[in-house]
Amino acid sequence: MKNCVFCAIAAGEAPAVIVREWPDALAIRLRSGGVSASHLLVLPRVHVEDAGTDTEVTAAVMRRAAELMAEHPAANLITSKGAAATQTVFHLHVHVLGRQEGDGLPLPWTPQHIARAAAQNGEAR
């Protein structure tokens, strides 16, 4: 798809740190570094807008993300569909985020981090 950064990465036309490649997907490091050293994105090589657009492609991407998740004793798999659900890049992608007890890491792409910060400050919502 024209002007899709993930399509450009998948086609080798945009730079990315590729961590793992499969025939149907690839795993990349976030340019920002993500929220931890283990934070990766898994995206399909074909353009699919979100996890609800093409269930077969979504299943393949989730399978690949699960392979990466299996390398961690604890992890989150997160994807979003639509702007109201905090999707900002409209090409299916799954966040794989290794976790550890007490890492204190709120999920910054969701509203929960605001509620958690308020609770820690003793504020009522």
N, C-alpha and C. Protein backbone atom coordinates (compact mmCIF):
# COMPACT_ATOMS: atom_id res chain seq x y z
N MET A 1 0.84 -1.19 0.00
CA MET A 1 0.00 0.00 0.00
C MET A 1 0.88 1.24 0.00
N LYS A 2 0.50 2.22 -0.77
CA LYS A 2 1.26 3.46 -0.88
C LYS A 2 1.29 4.19 0.45
N ASN A 3 2.46 4.71 0.82
CA ASN A 3 2.66 5.51 2.02
C ASN A 3 2.52 4.72 3.33
N CYS A 4 2.62 3.41 3.29
CA CYS A 4 2.57 2.59 4.50
C CYS A 4 4.01 2.25 4.90
N VAL A 5 4.45 2.73 6.04
CA VAL A 5 5.82 2.51 6.47
C VAL A 5 6.11 1.02 6.66
N PHE A 6 5.15 0.25 7.17
CA PHE A 6 5.39 -1.17 7.38
C PHE A 6 5.47 -1.92 6.05
N CYS A 7 4.69 -1.50 5.06
CA CYS A 7 4.81 -2.10 3.73
C CYS A 7 6.20 -1.81 3.15
N ALA A 8 6.67 -0.59 3.34
CA ALA A 8 8.00 -0.21 2.85
C ALA A 8 9.08 -1.02 3.55
N ILE A 9 8.95 -1.25 4.84
CA ILE A 9 9.92 -2.08 5.57
C ILE A 9 9.88 -3.51 5.03
N ALA A 10 8.67 -4.06 4.89
CA ALA A 10 8.52 -5.44 4.40
C ALA A 10 9.10 -5.61 3.00
N ALA A 11 9.03 -4.56 2.19
CA ALA A 11 9.55 -4.61 0.82
C ALA A 11 11.05 -4.30 0.75
N GLY A 12 11.65 -3.97 1.89
CA GLY A 12 13.07 -3.62 1.92
C GLY A 12 13.35 -2.22 1.42
N GLU A 13 12.31 -1.38 1.37
CA GLU A 13 12.46 -0.01 0.86
C GLU A 13 12.63 1.03 1.95
N ALA A 14 12.49 0.62 3.22
CA ALA A 14 12.67 1.53 4.35
C ALA A 14 13.54 0.82 5.37
N PRO A 15 14.36 1.57 6.09
CA PRO A 15 15.26 0.94 7.05
C PRO A 15 14.51 0.40 8.26
N ALA A 16 15.03 -0.71 8.79
CA ALA A 16 14.51 -1.29 10.02
C ALA A 16 15.52 -2.29 10.54
N VAL A 17 15.52 -2.47 11.83
CA VAL A 17 16.33 -3.52 12.44
C VAL A 17 15.44 -4.76 12.48
N ILE A 18 15.72 -5.69 11.58
CA ILE A 18 14.93 -6.91 11.49
C ILE A 18 15.56 -7.95 12.40
N VAL A 19 14.74 -8.46 13.32
CA VAL A 19 15.21 -9.41 14.32
C VAL A 19 14.98 -10.85 13.85
N ARG A 20 13.87 -11.08 13.16
CA ARG A 20 13.54 -12.41 12.67
C ARG A 20 12.71 -12.25 11.41
N GLU A 21 12.90 -13.17 10.47
CA GLU A 21 12.13 -13.15 9.22
C GLU A 21 11.52 -14.52 8.96
N TRP A 22 10.32 -14.50 8.44
CA TRP A 22 9.61 -15.69 7.99
C TRP A 22 9.07 -15.38 6.60
N PRO A 23 8.61 -16.36 5.86
CA PRO A 23 8.05 -16.07 4.54
C PRO A 23 6.83 -15.15 4.58
N ASP A 24 6.06 -15.19 5.68
CA ASP A 24 4.82 -14.43 5.77
C ASP A 24 4.88 -13.22 6.70
N ALA A 25 5.97 -13.06 7.45
CA ALA A 25 6.03 -11.98 8.45
C ALA A 25 7.47 -11.64 8.78
N LEU A 26 7.65 -10.55 9.52
CA LEU A 26 8.95 -10.21 10.04
C LEU A 26 8.79 -9.54 11.39
N ALA A 27 9.82 -9.65 12.20
CA ALA A 27 9.85 -9.02 13.51
C ALA A 27 10.91 -7.94 13.47
N ILE A 28 10.55 -6.75 13.94
CA ILE A 28 11.47 -5.61 13.91
C ILE A 28 11.55 -4.97 15.28
N ARG A 29 12.65 -4.27 15.50
CA ARG A 29 12.78 -3.43 16.69
C ARG A 29 12.13 -2.09 16.38
N LEU A 30 11.55 -1.47 17.38
CA LEU A 30 10.96 -0.16 17.20
C LEU A 30 12.07 0.88 17.05
N ARG A 31 11.87 1.83 16.15
CA ARG A 31 12.88 2.89 15.98
C ARG A 31 13.11 3.65 17.27
N SER A 32 12.06 3.82 18.06
CA SER A 32 12.17 4.55 19.32
C SER A 32 12.88 3.74 20.39
N GLY A 33 13.09 2.46 20.13
CA GLY A 33 13.67 1.58 21.14
C GLY A 33 12.59 0.84 21.92
N GLY A 34 11.35 1.28 21.77
CA GLY A 34 10.26 0.63 22.48
C GLY A 34 10.26 0.98 23.95
N VAL A 35 9.49 0.23 24.71
CA VAL A 35 9.38 0.50 26.14
C VAL A 35 10.33 -0.36 26.96
N SER A 36 11.00 -1.30 26.30
CA SER A 36 12.03 -2.11 26.95
C SER A 36 12.90 -2.71 25.85
N ALA A 37 14.01 -3.31 26.24
CA ALA A 37 14.92 -3.90 25.27
C ALA A 37 14.30 -5.06 24.52
N SER A 38 13.30 -5.71 25.12
CA SER A 38 12.68 -6.87 24.49
C SER A 38 11.49 -6.52 23.60
N HIS A 39 11.12 -5.26 23.50
CA HIS A 39 9.93 -4.84 22.75
C HIS A 39 10.17 -4.97 21.25
N LEU A 40 9.35 -5.81 20.61
CA LEU A 40 9.43 -6.03 19.17
C LEU A 40 8.06 -5.86 18.54
N LEU A 41 8.03 -5.64 17.24
CA LEU A 41 6.79 -5.64 16.47
C LEU A 41 6.86 -6.78 15.46
N VAL A 42 5.77 -7.51 15.34
CA VAL A 42 5.65 -8.55 14.31
C VAL A 42 4.60 -8.06 13.33
N LEU A 43 4.95 -8.03 12.05
CA LEU A 43 4.03 -7.53 11.04
C LEU A 43 4.03 -8.44 9.83
N PRO A 44 2.88 -8.52 9.16
CA PRO A 44 2.81 -9.34 7.96
C PRO A 44 3.53 -8.65 6.80
N ARG A 45 3.97 -9.45 5.86
CA ARG A 45 4.62 -8.90 4.67
C ARG A 45 3.60 -8.28 3.71
N VAL A 46 2.34 -8.66 3.83
CA VAL A 46 1.28 -8.09 3.00
C VAL A 46 0.54 -7.02 3.80
N HIS A 47 -0.04 -6.07 3.10
CA HIS A 47 -0.78 -5.03 3.80
C HIS A 47 -2.15 -5.53 4.23
N VAL A 48 -2.34 -5.54 5.53
CA VAL A 48 -3.62 -5.84 6.16
C VAL A 48 -3.80 -4.75 7.20
N GLU A 49 -4.92 -4.07 7.16
CA GLU A 49 -5.09 -2.88 8.00
C GLU A 49 -5.04 -3.17 9.49
N ASP A 50 -5.68 -4.24 9.92
CA ASP A 50 -5.72 -4.54 11.35
C ASP A 50 -6.07 -6.01 11.56
N ALA A 51 -6.12 -6.45 12.80
CA ALA A 51 -6.34 -7.85 13.13
C ALA A 51 -7.71 -8.37 12.72
N GLY A 52 -8.66 -7.49 12.46
CA GLY A 52 -9.99 -7.91 12.06
C GLY A 52 -10.22 -7.94 10.57
N THR A 53 -9.25 -7.52 9.79
CA THR A 53 -9.41 -7.41 8.35
C THR A 53 -9.27 -8.74 7.63
N ASP A 54 -8.29 -9.52 7.99
CA ASP A 54 -8.03 -10.81 7.33
C ASP A 54 -7.60 -11.80 8.40
N THR A 55 -8.50 -12.68 8.78
CA THR A 55 -8.23 -13.58 9.90
C THR A 55 -7.08 -14.55 9.61
N GLU A 56 -6.90 -14.95 8.36
CA GLU A 56 -5.80 -15.87 8.03
C GLU A 56 -4.44 -15.19 8.23
N VAL A 57 -4.31 -13.95 7.77
CA VAL A 57 -3.06 -13.22 7.95
C VAL A 57 -2.85 -12.94 9.43
N THR A 58 -3.90 -12.57 10.13
CA THR A 58 -3.79 -12.32 11.57
C THR A 58 -3.32 -13.56 12.30
N ALA A 59 -3.88 -14.72 11.95
CA ALA A 59 -3.49 -15.97 12.60
C ALA A 59 -2.00 -16.25 12.36
N ALA A 60 -1.53 -16.01 11.14
CA ALA A 60 -0.12 -16.25 10.84
C ALA A 60 0.78 -15.31 11.64
N VAL A 61 0.40 -14.05 11.74
CA VAL A 61 1.19 -13.08 12.49
C VAL A 61 1.18 -13.44 13.98
N MET A 62 0.05 -13.83 14.50
CA MET A 62 -0.03 -14.23 15.91
C MET A 62 0.83 -15.47 16.17
N ARG A 63 0.85 -16.40 15.23
CA ARG A 63 1.70 -17.60 15.37
C ARG A 63 3.16 -17.19 15.47
N ARG A 64 3.57 -16.27 14.60
CA ARG A 64 4.97 -15.80 14.63
C ARG A 64 5.27 -15.05 15.93
N ALA A 65 4.33 -14.22 16.37
CA ALA A 65 4.51 -13.50 17.63
C ALA A 65 4.61 -14.48 18.80
N ALA A 66 3.81 -15.53 18.76
CA ALA A 66 3.85 -16.54 19.82
C ALA A 66 5.21 -17.25 19.87
N GLU A 67 5.83 -17.45 18.70
CA GLU A 67 7.17 -18.04 18.67
C GLU A 67 8.15 -17.17 19.43
N LEU A 68 8.06 -15.86 19.25
CA LEU A 68 8.93 -14.94 19.97
C LEU A 68 8.57 -14.89 21.45
N MET A 69 7.28 -14.91 21.73
CA MET A 69 6.82 -14.86 23.12
C MET A 69 7.32 -16.07 23.91
N ALA A 70 7.42 -17.21 23.25
CA ALA A 70 7.87 -18.44 23.91
C ALA A 70 9.30 -18.32 24.44
N GLU A 71 10.05 -17.36 23.96
CA GLU A 71 11.42 -17.16 24.41
C GLU A 71 11.50 -16.40 25.73
N HIS A 72 10.37 -15.95 26.25
CA HIS A 72 10.33 -15.19 27.50
C HIS A 72 9.54 -15.95 28.56
N PRO A 73 9.94 -15.88 29.81
CA PRO A 73 9.14 -16.51 30.87
C PRO A 73 7.82 -15.77 31.11
N ALA A 74 7.79 -14.49 30.79
CA ALA A 74 6.57 -13.68 30.91
C ALA A 74 6.58 -12.65 29.80
N ALA A 75 5.43 -12.39 29.19
CA ALA A 75 5.38 -11.45 28.08
C ALA A 75 3.96 -11.02 27.80
N ASN A 76 3.83 -9.90 27.09
CA ASN A 76 2.55 -9.43 26.58
C ASN A 76 2.57 -9.54 25.06
N LEU A 77 1.42 -9.90 24.47
CA LEU A 77 1.16 -9.79 23.05
C LEU A 77 0.03 -8.79 22.93
N ILE A 78 0.23 -7.73 22.19
CA ILE A 78 -0.79 -6.69 22.12
C ILE A 78 -0.94 -6.21 20.69
N THR A 79 -2.19 -6.09 20.25
CA THR A 79 -2.49 -5.47 18.97
C THR A 79 -3.72 -4.60 19.15
N SER A 80 -3.93 -3.68 18.24
CA SER A 80 -5.07 -2.77 18.32
C SER A 80 -5.77 -2.72 16.97
N LYS A 81 -7.05 -2.41 17.01
CA LYS A 81 -7.84 -2.23 15.79
C LYS A 81 -8.57 -0.89 15.88
N GLY A 82 -8.16 0.05 15.07
CA GLY A 82 -8.83 1.34 15.02
C GLY A 82 -8.25 2.38 15.95
N ALA A 83 -8.44 3.63 15.56
CA ALA A 83 -7.91 4.76 16.33
C ALA A 83 -8.46 4.79 17.76
N ALA A 84 -9.73 4.45 17.94
CA ALA A 84 -10.31 4.46 19.28
C ALA A 84 -9.65 3.43 20.19
N ALA A 85 -9.01 2.42 19.59
CA ALA A 85 -8.30 1.39 20.35
C ALA A 85 -6.80 1.66 20.37
N THR A 86 -6.40 2.86 20.04
CA THR A 86 -5.02 3.37 20.06
C THR A 86 -4.15 2.89 18.91
N GLN A 87 -4.75 2.37 17.82
CA GLN A 87 -3.94 2.01 16.66
C GLN A 87 -3.49 3.29 15.97
N THR A 88 -2.19 3.41 15.74
CA THR A 88 -1.65 4.61 15.09
C THR A 88 -1.05 4.33 13.72
N VAL A 89 -0.63 3.08 13.47
CA VAL A 89 -0.15 2.67 12.15
C VAL A 89 -1.14 1.63 11.65
N PHE A 90 -1.78 1.93 10.53
CA PHE A 90 -2.87 1.08 10.05
C PHE A 90 -2.37 -0.01 9.10
N HIS A 91 -1.46 -0.80 9.64
CA HIS A 91 -0.94 -2.03 9.05
C HIS A 91 -0.84 -2.97 10.25
N LEU A 92 -1.49 -4.11 10.17
CA LEU A 92 -1.49 -5.05 11.28
C LEU A 92 -0.10 -5.21 11.87
N HIS A 93 -0.01 -5.11 13.18
CA HIS A 93 1.24 -5.38 13.88
C HIS A 93 0.93 -5.82 15.30
N VAL A 94 1.77 -6.69 15.81
CA VAL A 94 1.61 -7.21 17.16
C VAL A 94 2.85 -6.83 17.96
N HIS A 95 2.61 -6.22 19.11
CA HIS A 95 3.70 -5.89 20.03
C HIS A 95 4.01 -7.15 20.84
N VAL A 96 5.27 -7.53 20.89
CA VAL A 96 5.75 -8.61 21.74
C VAL A 96 6.65 -7.95 22.77
N LEU A 97 6.28 -8.09 24.02
CA LEU A 97 6.97 -7.38 25.08
C LEU A 97 7.29 -8.33 26.22
N GLY A 98 8.57 -8.71 26.34
CA GLY A 98 9.00 -9.54 27.46
C GLY A 98 8.85 -8.77 28.76
N ARG A 99 8.37 -9.44 29.78
CA ARG A 99 8.12 -8.79 31.07
C ARG A 99 8.87 -9.53 32.17
N GLN A 100 9.06 -8.86 33.29
CA GLN A 100 9.59 -9.50 34.47
C GLN A 100 8.91 -8.92 35.69
N GLU A 101 8.84 -9.73 36.73
CA GLU A 101 8.19 -9.33 37.97
C GLU A 101 8.75 -8.00 38.45
N GLY A 102 7.84 -7.07 38.78
CA GLY A 102 8.25 -5.80 39.34
C GLY A 102 8.90 -4.85 38.35
N ASP A 103 8.73 -5.07 37.04
CA ASP A 103 9.37 -4.17 36.08
C ASP A 103 8.73 -2.78 36.09
N GLY A 104 7.55 -2.66 36.74
CA GLY A 104 6.92 -1.35 36.87
C GLY A 104 6.52 -0.74 35.55
N LEU A 105 6.39 -1.54 34.54
CA LEU A 105 6.15 -1.04 33.20
C LEU A 105 4.66 -1.01 32.88
N PRO A 106 4.05 0.17 32.91
CA PRO A 106 2.66 0.24 32.46
C PRO A 106 2.63 0.12 30.94
N LEU A 107 1.51 -0.18 30.40
CA LEU A 107 1.39 -0.31 28.96
C LEU A 107 1.08 1.07 28.38
N PRO A 108 2.11 1.77 27.87
CA PRO A 108 1.94 3.17 27.50
C PRO A 108 1.07 3.44 26.28
N TRP A 109 0.70 2.42 25.53
CA TRP A 109 -0.17 2.66 24.38
C TRP A 109 -1.63 2.42 24.74
N THR A 110 -1.94 2.32 26.03
CA THR A 110 -3.31 2.13 26.49
C THR A 110 -3.63 3.13 27.59
N PRO A 111 -4.89 3.38 27.88
CA PRO A 111 -5.26 4.32 28.93
C PRO A 111 -4.93 3.84 30.35
N GLN A 112 -4.62 2.57 30.55
CA GLN A 112 -4.36 2.05 31.89
C GLN A 112 -3.21 2.76 32.59
N HIS A 113 -2.24 3.25 31.84
CA HIS A 113 -1.12 3.90 32.51
C HIS A 113 -1.55 5.17 33.23
N ILE A 114 -2.58 5.83 32.75
CA ILE A 114 -3.08 7.04 33.42
C ILE A 114 -3.75 6.66 34.74
N ALA A 115 -4.58 5.62 34.71
CA ALA A 115 -5.24 5.16 35.94
C ALA A 115 -4.22 4.68 36.95
N ARG A 116 -3.20 3.99 36.49
CA ARG A 116 -2.17 3.49 37.40
C ARG A 116 -1.40 4.64 38.03
N ALA A 117 -1.05 5.64 37.24
CA ALA A 117 -0.34 6.79 37.77
C ALA A 117 -1.18 7.53 38.79
N ALA A 118 -2.47 7.67 38.51
CA ALA A 118 -3.37 8.33 39.45
C ALA A 118 -3.46 7.55 40.75
N ALA A 119 -3.55 6.23 40.66
CA ALA A 119 -3.62 5.39 41.87
C ALA A 119 -2.34 5.50 42.69
N GLN A 120 -1.21 5.55 42.03
CA GLN A 120 0.06 5.67 42.73
C GLN A 120 0.21 7.02 43.42
N ASN A 121 -0.44 8.02 42.87
CA ASN A 121 -0.39 9.37 43.47
C ASN A 121 -1.52 9.60 44.45
N GLY A 122 -2.36 8.57 44.68
CA GLY A 122 -3.44 8.69 45.63
C GLY A 122 -4.61 9.53 45.12
N GLU A 123 -4.69 9.71 43.82
CA GLU A 123 -5.78 10.52 43.24
C GLU A 123 -6.97 9.63 42.93
N ALA A 124 -8.15 10.17 43.09
CA ALA A 124 -9.38 9.45 42.72
C ALA A 124 -9.69 9.75 41.27
N ARG A 125 -10.25 8.76 40.59
CA ARG A 125 -10.64 8.97 39.20
C ARG A 125 -12.13 9.05 39.10
